[in-house]
């Protein structure tokens, strides 16, 4: 009986020493990323957005609707999505892009109020459907990020777009890890927003 008890005690101690491998990880060990502080300068535009717009929350497919930082090993299986275990976004990418877009639009518009009160609704609504937001490894030490989104401009309470376009951006990641992915995707998101604002400024329907 003593030997049995001693064996159980030893097993318990071993279990405690190795607990980190079977217990859930402490959130303190997870690195969290966002897109950084709001930018102070408006994008370089030859024309300004004259009319106010309502910015709908950016939507995304279910596999993108989480804070996970996603990557693909294209050199092995490009159809397989994985995520970093120790790193994540502060919010799902769609929410981060929504916030960034709403921060940027007033600086590019002659009318600073982005989402006015119901009695003074803007005539047009901007909708963004995020389709891809991931890191792609073409080789173990070489990766790039992809951002693809469909953008449409519709009149208030209308379904048929006045104008629509799919934007696709690619940027090389400086490091083949989560930090490289977060940095490159943040820059790609700002480039995407700048492209959308310039597209809106050149849209005759909202000038």
N, C-alpha and C. Protein backbone atom coordinates (compact mmCIF):
# COMPACT_ATOMS: atom_id res chain seq x y z
N UNK A 1 0.82 -1.20 0.00
CA UNK A 1 0.00 0.00 0.00
C UNK A 1 0.86 1.25 0.00
N UNK A 2 1.95 1.23 0.78
CA UNK A 2 2.85 2.39 0.83
C UNK A 2 3.46 2.67 -0.52
N UNK A 3 3.86 1.57 -1.21
CA UNK A 3 4.45 1.73 -2.53
C UNK A 3 3.45 2.33 -3.50
N UNK A 4 2.19 1.91 -3.38
CA UNK A 4 1.15 2.43 -4.27
C UNK A 4 0.96 3.92 -4.04
N UNK A 5 0.90 4.30 -2.71
CA UNK A 5 0.73 5.71 -2.39
C UNK A 5 1.91 6.53 -2.88
N UNK A 6 3.10 6.00 -2.73
CA UNK A 6 4.30 6.71 -3.18
C UNK A 6 4.28 6.90 -4.70
N UNK A 7 3.84 5.85 -5.40
CA UNK A 7 3.76 5.93 -6.85
C UNK A 7 2.74 6.96 -7.29
N UNK A 8 1.62 7.02 -6.58
CA UNK A 8 0.59 8.01 -6.91
C UNK A 8 1.09 9.42 -6.66
N UNK A 9 1.82 9.59 -5.57
CA UNK A 9 2.36 10.91 -5.23
C UNK A 9 3.36 11.36 -6.29
N UNK A 10 4.22 10.43 -6.74
CA UNK A 10 5.21 10.77 -7.75
C UNK A 10 4.54 11.14 -9.06
N UNK A 11 3.49 10.39 -9.39
CA UNK A 11 2.76 10.67 -10.62
C UNK A 11 2.09 12.04 -10.55
N UNK A 12 1.58 12.41 -9.35
CA UNK A 12 0.93 13.70 -9.18
C UNK A 12 1.93 14.85 -9.35
N UNK A 13 3.13 14.67 -8.75
CA UNK A 13 4.17 15.70 -8.88
C UNK A 13 4.58 15.86 -10.33
N UNK A 14 4.74 14.73 -11.04
CA UNK A 14 5.11 14.79 -12.45
C UNK A 14 4.03 15.49 -13.27
N UNK A 15 2.78 15.21 -12.90
CA UNK A 15 1.67 15.84 -13.60
C UNK A 15 1.68 17.35 -13.40
N UNK A 16 1.98 17.78 -12.17
CA UNK A 16 2.02 19.21 -11.87
C UNK A 16 3.15 19.90 -12.63
N UNK A 17 4.32 19.23 -12.70
CA UNK A 17 5.47 19.81 -13.39
C UNK A 17 5.22 19.97 -14.88
N UNK A 18 4.43 19.07 -15.43
CA UNK A 18 4.16 19.10 -16.86
C UNK A 18 2.79 19.68 -17.18
N UNK A 19 2.18 20.34 -16.20
CA UNK A 19 0.82 20.82 -16.38
C UNK A 19 0.67 21.80 -17.52
N UNK A 20 1.75 22.54 -17.83
CA UNK A 20 1.64 23.54 -18.88
C UNK A 20 1.34 22.93 -20.24
N UNK A 21 1.62 21.65 -20.39
CA UNK A 21 1.41 21.02 -21.69
C UNK A 21 -0.01 20.52 -21.89
N UNK A 22 -0.79 20.44 -20.78
CA UNK A 22 -2.15 19.91 -20.91
C UNK A 22 -3.22 20.91 -20.47
N UNK A 23 -2.83 21.94 -19.68
CA UNK A 23 -3.79 22.92 -19.23
C UNK A 23 -3.91 24.05 -20.24
N UNK A 24 -5.05 24.75 -20.26
CA UNK A 24 -5.18 25.88 -21.19
C UNK A 24 -4.12 26.93 -20.92
N UNK A 25 -3.65 27.58 -21.97
CA UNK A 25 -2.61 28.59 -21.81
C UNK A 25 -3.19 29.85 -21.19
N UNK A 26 -2.38 30.49 -20.35
CA UNK A 26 -2.75 31.76 -19.76
C UNK A 26 -2.81 32.82 -20.86
N UNK A 27 -3.87 33.65 -20.83
CA UNK A 27 -4.00 34.68 -21.85
C UNK A 27 -2.82 35.65 -21.83
N UNK A 28 -2.13 35.74 -20.68
CA UNK A 28 -1.00 36.66 -20.59
C UNK A 28 0.13 36.26 -21.52
N UNK A 29 0.15 35.00 -21.94
CA UNK A 29 1.21 34.53 -22.83
C UNK A 29 0.86 34.75 -24.30
N UNK A 30 -0.34 35.25 -24.58
CA UNK A 30 -0.77 35.47 -25.96
C UNK A 30 -0.52 36.92 -26.36
N UNK A 31 0.16 37.12 -27.49
CA UNK A 31 0.44 38.46 -27.99
C UNK A 31 -0.75 38.94 -28.81
N UNK A 32 -1.22 40.14 -28.52
CA UNK A 32 -2.40 40.69 -29.19
C UNK A 32 -2.00 41.87 -30.07
N UNK A 33 -2.51 41.89 -31.30
CA UNK A 33 -2.19 42.93 -32.26
C UNK A 33 -3.46 43.67 -32.71
N UNK A 34 -3.28 44.97 -33.03
CA UNK A 34 -4.31 45.69 -33.78
C UNK A 34 -3.60 46.46 -34.90
N UNK A 35 -4.23 47.49 -35.45
CA UNK A 35 -3.64 48.22 -36.57
C UNK A 35 -2.83 49.44 -36.12
N UNK A 36 -2.63 49.59 -34.81
CA UNK A 36 -1.86 50.73 -34.32
C UNK A 36 -2.73 51.96 -34.11
N UNK A 37 -2.07 53.07 -33.78
CA UNK A 37 -2.78 54.32 -33.53
C UNK A 37 -3.41 54.85 -34.82
N UNK A 38 -4.51 55.60 -34.69
CA UNK A 38 -5.13 56.19 -35.89
C UNK A 38 -4.14 57.08 -36.62
N UNK A 39 -4.21 57.06 -37.94
CA UNK A 39 -3.33 57.91 -38.74
C UNK A 39 -3.77 59.37 -38.67
N UNK A 40 -2.80 60.26 -38.67
CA UNK A 40 -3.10 61.68 -38.53
C UNK A 40 -3.35 62.36 -39.87
N UNK A 41 -2.79 61.81 -40.93
CA UNK A 41 -2.88 62.46 -42.23
C UNK A 41 -3.86 61.76 -43.15
N UNK A 42 -4.60 62.53 -43.92
CA UNK A 42 -5.52 61.96 -44.91
C UNK A 42 -4.72 61.46 -46.10
N UNK A 43 -5.23 60.47 -46.83
CA UNK A 43 -4.53 60.00 -48.02
C UNK A 43 -4.44 61.09 -49.08
N UNK A 44 -3.46 60.97 -49.94
CA UNK A 44 -3.26 61.94 -51.01
C UNK A 44 -4.37 61.79 -52.05
N UNK A 45 -5.26 62.76 -52.10
CA UNK A 45 -6.40 62.71 -53.00
C UNK A 45 -6.47 63.96 -53.86
N UNK A 46 -6.77 63.80 -55.13
CA UNK A 46 -6.93 64.96 -56.01
C UNK A 46 -8.31 65.57 -55.87
N UNK A 47 -9.29 64.77 -55.40
CA UNK A 47 -10.63 65.27 -55.17
C UNK A 47 -11.09 64.82 -53.79
N UNK A 48 -12.07 65.53 -53.24
CA UNK A 48 -12.58 65.21 -51.91
C UNK A 48 -13.94 64.53 -52.02
N UNK A 49 -14.33 63.81 -50.98
CA UNK A 49 -15.65 63.20 -50.92
C UNK A 49 -16.61 64.27 -50.44
N UNK A 50 -17.55 64.65 -51.29
CA UNK A 50 -18.41 65.79 -50.99
C UNK A 50 -19.58 65.41 -50.09
N UNK A 51 -20.18 64.25 -50.30
CA UNK A 51 -21.38 63.86 -49.56
C UNK A 51 -21.03 62.97 -48.38
N UNK A 52 -21.92 63.01 -47.39
CA UNK A 52 -21.76 62.11 -46.24
C UNK A 52 -22.12 60.68 -46.63
N UNK A 53 -21.49 59.73 -45.98
CA UNK A 53 -21.76 58.32 -46.22
C UNK A 53 -22.04 57.62 -44.90
N UNK A 54 -22.88 56.62 -44.98
CA UNK A 54 -23.04 55.70 -43.85
C UNK A 54 -22.15 54.50 -44.10
N UNK A 55 -21.25 54.20 -43.17
CA UNK A 55 -20.35 53.06 -43.31
C UNK A 55 -20.94 51.87 -42.57
N UNK A 56 -21.39 50.88 -43.30
CA UNK A 56 -21.91 49.66 -42.68
C UNK A 56 -20.76 48.86 -42.06
N UNK A 57 -21.02 48.11 -41.00
CA UNK A 57 -19.97 47.25 -40.46
C UNK A 57 -19.44 46.30 -41.53
N UNK A 58 -18.14 46.17 -41.62
CA UNK A 58 -17.53 45.25 -42.59
C UNK A 58 -17.95 43.83 -42.25
N UNK A 59 -18.32 43.07 -43.27
CA UNK A 59 -18.70 41.68 -43.07
C UNK A 59 -17.58 40.75 -43.53
N UNK A 60 -17.62 39.51 -43.07
CA UNK A 60 -16.61 38.52 -43.42
C UNK A 60 -17.22 37.14 -43.33
N UNK A 61 -16.69 36.17 -44.08
CA UNK A 61 -17.19 34.79 -43.96
C UNK A 61 -16.87 34.23 -42.58
N UNK A 62 -17.53 33.15 -42.23
CA UNK A 62 -17.43 32.60 -40.88
C UNK A 62 -16.00 32.25 -40.50
N UNK A 63 -15.19 31.78 -41.46
CA UNK A 63 -13.82 31.39 -41.13
C UNK A 63 -12.92 32.58 -40.84
N UNK A 64 -13.39 33.80 -41.18
CA UNK A 64 -12.64 35.01 -40.87
C UNK A 64 -13.22 35.75 -39.67
N UNK A 65 -14.30 35.26 -39.15
CA UNK A 65 -15.02 35.96 -38.09
C UNK A 65 -14.50 35.56 -36.71
N UNK A 66 -13.22 35.77 -36.49
CA UNK A 66 -12.59 35.49 -35.20
C UNK A 66 -11.30 36.30 -35.12
N UNK A 67 -10.71 36.42 -33.91
CA UNK A 67 -9.46 37.18 -33.78
C UNK A 67 -8.23 36.40 -34.24
N UNK A 68 -8.38 35.21 -34.76
CA UNK A 68 -7.22 34.40 -35.15
C UNK A 68 -6.43 35.06 -36.27
N UNK A 69 -5.11 34.95 -36.20
CA UNK A 69 -4.23 35.38 -37.28
C UNK A 69 -3.98 34.16 -38.16
N UNK A 70 -4.51 34.19 -39.36
CA UNK A 70 -4.53 33.01 -40.21
C UNK A 70 -3.36 32.98 -41.19
N UNK A 71 -2.92 31.77 -41.50
CA UNK A 71 -1.87 31.61 -42.51
C UNK A 71 -2.09 30.33 -43.30
N UNK A 72 -1.46 30.27 -44.48
CA UNK A 72 -1.51 29.11 -45.35
C UNK A 72 -0.08 28.71 -45.73
N UNK A 73 0.21 27.44 -45.70
CA UNK A 73 1.49 26.94 -46.19
C UNK A 73 1.30 26.53 -47.65
N UNK A 74 1.44 27.50 -48.54
CA UNK A 74 1.15 27.26 -49.96
C UNK A 74 2.08 26.22 -50.56
N UNK A 75 3.30 26.15 -50.04
CA UNK A 75 4.26 25.18 -50.58
C UNK A 75 3.90 23.75 -50.16
N UNK A 76 2.98 23.62 -49.22
CA UNK A 76 2.56 22.29 -48.76
C UNK A 76 1.11 22.00 -49.15
N UNK A 77 0.19 22.90 -48.75
CA UNK A 77 -1.22 22.73 -49.08
C UNK A 77 -1.91 24.09 -48.93
N UNK A 78 -2.09 24.79 -50.04
CA UNK A 78 -2.64 26.15 -50.01
C UNK A 78 -4.10 26.18 -49.59
N UNK A 79 -4.78 25.05 -49.64
CA UNK A 79 -6.20 25.00 -49.28
C UNK A 79 -6.41 24.85 -47.77
N UNK A 80 -5.32 24.65 -47.04
CA UNK A 80 -5.44 24.45 -45.59
C UNK A 80 -5.15 25.75 -44.85
N UNK A 81 -6.06 26.15 -43.97
CA UNK A 81 -5.89 27.33 -43.14
C UNK A 81 -5.44 26.93 -41.74
N UNK A 82 -4.42 27.61 -41.24
CA UNK A 82 -3.98 27.42 -39.86
C UNK A 82 -3.96 28.77 -39.17
N UNK A 83 -3.82 28.76 -37.85
CA UNK A 83 -3.74 30.01 -37.10
C UNK A 83 -2.65 29.91 -36.05
N UNK A 84 -2.09 31.04 -35.70
CA UNK A 84 -1.03 31.09 -34.69
C UNK A 84 -1.64 30.84 -33.30
N UNK A 85 -0.99 29.97 -32.52
CA UNK A 85 -1.51 29.63 -31.20
C UNK A 85 -1.23 30.72 -30.17
N UNK A 86 -0.14 31.44 -30.32
CA UNK A 86 0.28 32.40 -29.29
C UNK A 86 0.08 33.86 -29.70
N UNK A 87 -0.63 34.10 -30.79
CA UNK A 87 -0.85 35.46 -31.26
C UNK A 87 -2.27 35.57 -31.82
N UNK A 88 -2.85 36.77 -31.70
CA UNK A 88 -4.20 36.98 -32.21
C UNK A 88 -4.43 38.47 -32.42
N UNK A 89 -5.51 38.78 -33.15
CA UNK A 89 -5.95 40.15 -33.30
C UNK A 89 -6.73 40.59 -32.06
N UNK A 90 -6.79 41.89 -31.82
CA UNK A 90 -7.56 42.40 -30.70
C UNK A 90 -9.06 42.23 -30.93
N UNK A 91 -9.45 42.09 -32.18
CA UNK A 91 -10.85 41.87 -32.58
C UNK A 91 -10.81 41.19 -33.94
N UNK A 92 -11.92 40.63 -34.40
CA UNK A 92 -11.92 40.07 -35.75
C UNK A 92 -11.50 41.11 -36.78
N UNK A 93 -10.80 40.71 -37.84
CA UNK A 93 -10.32 41.67 -38.84
C UNK A 93 -11.40 42.59 -39.39
N UNK A 94 -12.61 42.08 -39.58
CA UNK A 94 -13.69 42.93 -40.10
C UNK A 94 -13.97 44.10 -39.17
N UNK A 95 -13.93 43.86 -37.87
CA UNK A 95 -14.17 44.94 -36.90
C UNK A 95 -13.04 45.95 -36.91
N UNK A 96 -11.79 45.47 -37.04
CA UNK A 96 -10.64 46.38 -37.09
C UNK A 96 -10.70 47.26 -38.34
N UNK A 97 -11.08 46.68 -39.47
CA UNK A 97 -11.16 47.45 -40.71
C UNK A 97 -12.32 48.45 -40.64
N UNK A 98 -13.44 48.06 -40.04
CA UNK A 98 -14.57 48.98 -39.86
C UNK A 98 -14.13 50.21 -39.08
N UNK A 99 -13.44 49.99 -37.96
CA UNK A 99 -12.98 51.10 -37.13
C UNK A 99 -12.01 51.99 -37.90
N UNK A 100 -11.07 51.37 -38.59
CA UNK A 100 -10.06 52.13 -39.34
C UNK A 100 -10.71 52.97 -40.45
N UNK A 101 -11.68 52.39 -41.12
CA UNK A 101 -12.37 53.09 -42.20
C UNK A 101 -13.17 54.27 -41.66
N UNK A 102 -13.85 54.07 -40.56
CA UNK A 102 -14.64 55.16 -39.97
C UNK A 102 -13.74 56.26 -39.41
N UNK A 103 -12.54 55.90 -38.99
CA UNK A 103 -11.58 56.92 -38.54
C UNK A 103 -11.05 57.73 -39.71
N UNK A 104 -10.86 57.07 -40.85
CA UNK A 104 -10.22 57.72 -42.00
C UNK A 104 -11.20 58.56 -42.82
N UNK A 105 -12.45 58.17 -42.87
CA UNK A 105 -13.38 58.84 -43.78
C UNK A 105 -13.57 60.33 -43.48
N UNK A 106 -13.71 60.76 -42.23
CA UNK A 106 -13.91 62.20 -41.99
C UNK A 106 -12.75 63.06 -42.48
N UNK A 107 -11.53 62.56 -42.45
CA UNK A 107 -10.38 63.35 -42.90
C UNK A 107 -10.34 63.48 -44.42
N UNK A 108 -11.08 62.61 -45.11
CA UNK A 108 -11.11 62.65 -46.58
C UNK A 108 -12.39 63.28 -47.11
N UNK A 109 -13.27 63.68 -46.19
CA UNK A 109 -14.57 64.19 -46.59
C UNK A 109 -14.71 65.67 -46.22
N UNK A 110 -15.49 66.39 -47.01
CA UNK A 110 -15.80 67.78 -46.71
C UNK A 110 -16.86 67.89 -45.61
N UNK A 111 -17.53 66.77 -45.32
CA UNK A 111 -18.53 66.74 -44.26
C UNK A 111 -18.07 65.74 -43.22
N UNK A 112 -17.63 66.17 -42.03
CA UNK A 112 -16.96 65.30 -41.09
C UNK A 112 -17.82 64.28 -40.38
N UNK A 113 -19.15 64.40 -40.42
CA UNK A 113 -19.99 63.49 -39.67
C UNK A 113 -20.22 62.22 -40.47
N UNK A 114 -19.68 61.07 -40.00
CA UNK A 114 -19.74 59.83 -40.78
C UNK A 114 -21.08 59.14 -40.63
N UNK A 115 -21.56 59.01 -39.41
CA UNK A 115 -22.83 58.32 -39.16
C UNK A 115 -23.79 59.27 -38.45
N UNK A 116 -24.50 60.11 -39.19
CA UNK A 116 -25.35 61.13 -38.59
C UNK A 116 -26.61 60.55 -37.96
N UNK A 117 -27.38 61.40 -37.33
CA UNK A 117 -28.59 60.97 -36.67
C UNK A 117 -29.65 60.57 -37.69
N UNK A 118 -30.64 59.73 -37.31
CA UNK A 118 -31.64 59.23 -38.26
C UNK A 118 -32.37 60.33 -39.02
N UNK A 119 -32.64 61.48 -38.36
CA UNK A 119 -33.39 62.53 -39.05
C UNK A 119 -32.57 63.23 -40.12
N UNK A 120 -31.29 62.95 -40.18
CA UNK A 120 -30.44 63.57 -41.20
C UNK A 120 -29.57 62.49 -41.85
N UNK A 121 -30.21 61.43 -42.27
CA UNK A 121 -29.51 60.28 -42.83
C UNK A 121 -28.77 60.65 -44.11
N UNK A 122 -27.58 60.08 -44.32
CA UNK A 122 -26.87 60.31 -45.59
C UNK A 122 -27.56 59.55 -46.71
N UNK A 123 -27.39 60.01 -47.96
CA UNK A 123 -28.10 59.38 -49.07
C UNK A 123 -27.50 58.05 -49.50
N UNK A 124 -26.24 57.81 -49.17
CA UNK A 124 -25.57 56.61 -49.67
C UNK A 124 -24.93 55.80 -48.54
N UNK A 125 -24.81 54.51 -48.80
CA UNK A 125 -24.22 53.60 -47.81
C UNK A 125 -23.04 52.87 -48.45
N UNK A 126 -21.95 52.77 -47.69
CA UNK A 126 -20.77 52.04 -48.13
C UNK A 126 -20.74 50.68 -47.44
N UNK A 127 -20.58 49.64 -48.26
CA UNK A 127 -20.55 48.28 -47.72
C UNK A 127 -19.25 47.60 -48.16
N UNK A 128 -18.59 46.93 -47.23
CA UNK A 128 -17.35 46.20 -47.51
C UNK A 128 -17.53 44.75 -47.06
N UNK A 129 -17.29 43.83 -47.99
CA UNK A 129 -17.33 42.40 -47.69
C UNK A 129 -15.91 41.85 -47.80
N UNK A 130 -15.33 41.53 -46.66
CA UNK A 130 -13.96 41.01 -46.63
C UNK A 130 -13.95 39.56 -47.10
N UNK A 131 -13.08 39.23 -48.04
CA UNK A 131 -13.05 37.89 -48.63
C UNK A 131 -11.77 37.12 -48.28
N UNK A 132 -10.67 37.84 -48.08
CA UNK A 132 -9.39 37.18 -47.74
C UNK A 132 -8.58 38.12 -46.87
N UNK A 133 -7.97 37.56 -45.83
CA UNK A 133 -7.15 38.34 -44.91
C UNK A 133 -6.21 37.36 -44.21
N UNK A 134 -5.14 37.01 -44.89
CA UNK A 134 -4.28 35.95 -44.38
C UNK A 134 -2.84 36.11 -44.83
N UNK A 135 -1.97 35.32 -44.22
CA UNK A 135 -0.56 35.24 -44.57
C UNK A 135 -0.33 33.96 -45.38
N UNK A 136 0.44 34.07 -46.45
CA UNK A 136 0.70 32.92 -47.31
C UNK A 136 2.20 32.66 -47.35
N UNK A 137 2.58 31.43 -47.01
CA UNK A 137 3.98 31.03 -47.06
C UNK A 137 4.24 30.31 -48.38
N UNK A 138 5.05 30.92 -49.23
CA UNK A 138 5.47 30.27 -50.47
C UNK A 138 6.67 29.37 -50.24
N UNK A 139 7.37 29.61 -49.12
CA UNK A 139 8.49 28.80 -48.66
C UNK A 139 8.56 28.98 -47.16
N UNK A 140 9.24 28.08 -46.44
CA UNK A 140 9.26 28.19 -44.97
C UNK A 140 9.71 29.55 -44.44
N UNK A 141 10.61 30.23 -45.14
CA UNK A 141 11.13 31.51 -44.66
C UNK A 141 10.68 32.70 -45.51
N UNK A 142 9.69 32.49 -46.35
CA UNK A 142 9.21 33.56 -47.22
C UNK A 142 7.69 33.61 -47.21
N UNK A 143 7.14 34.75 -46.85
CA UNK A 143 5.67 34.86 -46.78
C UNK A 143 5.22 36.23 -47.26
N UNK A 144 3.97 36.28 -47.64
CA UNK A 144 3.30 37.51 -48.06
C UNK A 144 1.90 37.50 -47.48
N UNK A 145 1.26 38.65 -47.48
CA UNK A 145 -0.11 38.72 -46.97
C UNK A 145 -1.04 39.10 -48.11
N UNK A 146 -2.26 38.63 -48.01
CA UNK A 146 -3.29 38.91 -49.01
C UNK A 146 -4.51 39.54 -48.34
N UNK A 147 -5.01 40.60 -48.95
CA UNK A 147 -6.26 41.22 -48.51
C UNK A 147 -7.13 41.39 -49.75
N UNK A 148 -8.31 40.82 -49.71
CA UNK A 148 -9.25 40.98 -50.82
C UNK A 148 -10.62 41.33 -50.24
N UNK A 149 -11.27 42.31 -50.84
CA UNK A 149 -12.58 42.73 -50.34
C UNK A 149 -13.42 43.29 -51.48
N UNK A 150 -14.71 43.05 -51.40
CA UNK A 150 -15.67 43.59 -52.37
C UNK A 150 -16.33 44.81 -51.74
N UNK A 151 -16.30 45.92 -52.44
CA UNK A 151 -16.83 47.18 -51.93
C UNK A 151 -17.97 47.64 -52.83
N UNK A 152 -19.06 48.06 -52.22
CA UNK A 152 -20.20 48.53 -53.00
C UNK A 152 -20.77 49.80 -52.38
N UNK A 153 -21.30 50.64 -53.23
CA UNK A 153 -21.93 51.88 -52.82
C UNK A 153 -23.39 51.83 -53.24
N UNK A 154 -24.30 51.96 -52.29
CA UNK A 154 -25.73 51.89 -52.60
C UNK A 154 -26.45 53.10 -52.04
N UNK A 155 -27.58 53.42 -52.63
CA UNK A 155 -28.43 54.45 -52.07
C UNK A 155 -29.12 53.92 -50.83
N UNK A 156 -29.48 54.82 -49.94
CA UNK A 156 -30.15 54.44 -48.71
C UNK A 156 -31.40 53.61 -49.00
N UNK A 157 -31.52 52.47 -48.33
CA UNK A 157 -32.68 51.58 -48.44
C UNK A 157 -32.82 50.95 -49.81
N UNK A 158 -31.76 50.98 -50.61
CA UNK A 158 -31.78 50.32 -51.92
C UNK A 158 -30.82 49.13 -51.90
N UNK A 159 -31.08 48.14 -52.75
CA UNK A 159 -30.25 46.94 -52.80
C UNK A 159 -29.27 46.97 -53.97
N UNK A 160 -29.66 47.57 -55.09
CA UNK A 160 -28.81 47.58 -56.27
C UNK A 160 -27.69 48.60 -56.11
N UNK A 161 -26.42 48.18 -56.22
CA UNK A 161 -25.32 49.12 -56.02
C UNK A 161 -25.28 50.19 -57.11
N UNK A 162 -24.94 51.40 -56.70
CA UNK A 162 -24.65 52.45 -57.67
C UNK A 162 -23.33 52.16 -58.36
N UNK A 163 -22.42 51.59 -57.60
CA UNK A 163 -21.09 51.29 -58.10
C UNK A 163 -20.47 50.24 -57.18
N UNK A 164 -19.65 49.36 -57.73
CA UNK A 164 -19.00 48.34 -56.93
C UNK A 164 -17.66 47.95 -57.54
N UNK A 165 -16.79 47.43 -56.68
CA UNK A 165 -15.46 47.04 -57.14
C UNK A 165 -14.84 46.07 -56.14
N UNK A 166 -14.04 45.15 -56.65
CA UNK A 166 -13.28 44.24 -55.80
C UNK A 166 -11.83 44.72 -55.73
N UNK A 167 -11.34 44.90 -54.53
CA UNK A 167 -9.97 45.33 -54.30
C UNK A 167 -9.14 44.13 -53.83
N UNK A 168 -7.96 44.00 -54.37
CA UNK A 168 -7.05 42.92 -53.98
C UNK A 168 -5.66 43.49 -53.77
N UNK A 169 -5.11 43.29 -52.58
CA UNK A 169 -3.79 43.82 -52.25
C UNK A 169 -2.89 42.71 -51.74
N UNK A 170 -1.62 42.83 -52.05
CA UNK A 170 -0.62 41.85 -51.62
C UNK A 170 0.61 42.61 -51.14
N UNK A 171 1.16 42.18 -50.04
CA UNK A 171 2.35 42.83 -49.48
C UNK A 171 3.27 41.77 -48.88
N UNK A 172 4.56 41.92 -49.08
CA UNK A 172 5.54 40.99 -48.54
C UNK A 172 5.66 41.18 -47.02
N UNK A 173 5.68 40.09 -46.29
CA UNK A 173 5.90 40.14 -44.84
C UNK A 173 7.40 40.21 -44.55
N UNK A 174 7.79 41.07 -43.64
CA UNK A 174 9.21 41.24 -43.33
C UNK A 174 9.79 40.05 -42.58
N UNK A 175 8.96 39.39 -41.79
CA UNK A 175 9.42 38.21 -41.04
C UNK A 175 8.40 37.09 -41.20
N UNK A 176 8.84 35.83 -41.24
CA UNK A 176 7.92 34.70 -41.46
C UNK A 176 7.27 34.23 -40.16
N UNK A 177 6.53 35.12 -39.51
CA UNK A 177 5.90 34.79 -38.24
C UNK A 177 4.67 35.65 -38.04
N UNK A 178 4.07 35.54 -36.84
CA UNK A 178 2.84 36.29 -36.57
C UNK A 178 3.09 37.79 -36.56
N UNK A 179 4.23 38.22 -36.03
CA UNK A 179 4.54 39.65 -36.01
C UNK A 179 4.65 40.20 -37.43
N UNK A 180 5.29 39.44 -38.31
CA UNK A 180 5.38 39.86 -39.70
C UNK A 180 4.03 39.92 -40.37
N UNK A 181 3.17 38.95 -40.06
CA UNK A 181 1.82 38.93 -40.63
C UNK A 181 1.02 40.13 -40.15
N UNK A 182 1.06 40.42 -38.84
CA UNK A 182 0.29 41.52 -38.28
C UNK A 182 0.74 42.86 -38.87
N UNK A 183 2.04 43.06 -38.98
CA UNK A 183 2.56 44.31 -39.52
C UNK A 183 2.16 44.49 -40.99
N UNK A 184 2.36 43.45 -41.79
CA UNK A 184 2.05 43.54 -43.22
C UNK A 184 0.55 43.68 -43.46
N UNK A 185 -0.27 42.98 -42.71
CA UNK A 185 -1.72 43.09 -42.88
C UNK A 185 -2.23 44.46 -42.43
N UNK A 186 -1.61 45.03 -41.41
CA UNK A 186 -1.99 46.37 -40.98
C UNK A 186 -1.70 47.38 -42.08
N UNK A 187 -0.51 47.29 -42.69
CA UNK A 187 -0.15 48.19 -43.78
C UNK A 187 -1.05 47.97 -45.00
N UNK A 188 -1.34 46.70 -45.29
CA UNK A 188 -2.24 46.40 -46.41
C UNK A 188 -3.64 46.97 -46.16
N UNK A 189 -4.08 46.94 -44.92
CA UNK A 189 -5.40 47.49 -44.59
C UNK A 189 -5.45 48.99 -44.81
N UNK A 190 -4.38 49.69 -44.43
CA UNK A 190 -4.33 51.14 -44.67
C UNK A 190 -4.28 51.44 -46.16
N UNK A 191 -3.52 50.64 -46.91
CA UNK A 191 -3.48 50.83 -48.37
C UNK A 191 -4.86 50.58 -48.98
N UNK A 192 -5.54 49.58 -48.48
CA UNK A 192 -6.90 49.28 -48.97
C UNK A 192 -7.84 50.44 -48.69
N UNK A 193 -7.79 50.98 -47.49
CA UNK A 193 -8.67 52.09 -47.14
C UNK A 193 -8.36 53.32 -47.98
N UNK A 194 -7.07 53.59 -48.21
CA UNK A 194 -6.70 54.71 -49.09
C UNK A 194 -7.26 54.51 -50.49
N UNK A 195 -7.18 53.29 -51.00
CA UNK A 195 -7.69 52.99 -52.33
C UNK A 195 -9.21 53.18 -52.39
N UNK A 196 -9.91 52.75 -51.34
CA UNK A 196 -11.36 52.91 -51.29
C UNK A 196 -11.73 54.39 -51.25
N UNK A 197 -11.02 55.19 -50.44
CA UNK A 197 -11.33 56.61 -50.35
C UNK A 197 -11.10 57.33 -51.67
N UNK A 198 -10.03 56.98 -52.36
CA UNK A 198 -9.79 57.57 -53.67
C UNK A 198 -10.85 57.15 -54.68
N UNK A 199 -11.28 55.90 -54.59
CA UNK A 199 -12.35 55.40 -55.45
C UNK A 199 -13.65 56.16 -55.18
N UNK A 200 -13.95 56.39 -53.91
CA UNK A 200 -15.16 57.13 -53.55
C UNK A 200 -15.08 58.59 -54.04
N UNK A 201 -13.90 59.17 -53.90
CA UNK A 201 -13.74 60.56 -54.32
C UNK A 201 -13.92 60.74 -55.82
N UNK A 202 -13.65 59.67 -56.58
CA UNK A 202 -13.80 59.74 -58.03
C UNK A 202 -15.16 59.23 -58.50
N UNK A 203 -16.04 58.93 -57.55
CA UNK A 203 -17.37 58.41 -57.89
C UNK A 203 -18.33 59.57 -58.12
N UNK A 204 -18.85 59.76 -59.33
CA UNK A 204 -19.71 60.91 -59.60
C UNK A 204 -21.01 60.89 -58.81
N UNK A 205 -21.45 59.70 -58.37
CA UNK A 205 -22.73 59.60 -57.69
C UNK A 205 -22.73 60.27 -56.32
N UNK A 206 -21.54 60.48 -55.73
CA UNK A 206 -21.52 61.04 -54.38
C UNK A 206 -20.80 62.38 -54.35
N UNK A 207 -20.71 63.04 -55.52
CA UNK A 207 -20.07 64.35 -55.55
C UNK A 207 -21.10 65.45 -55.85
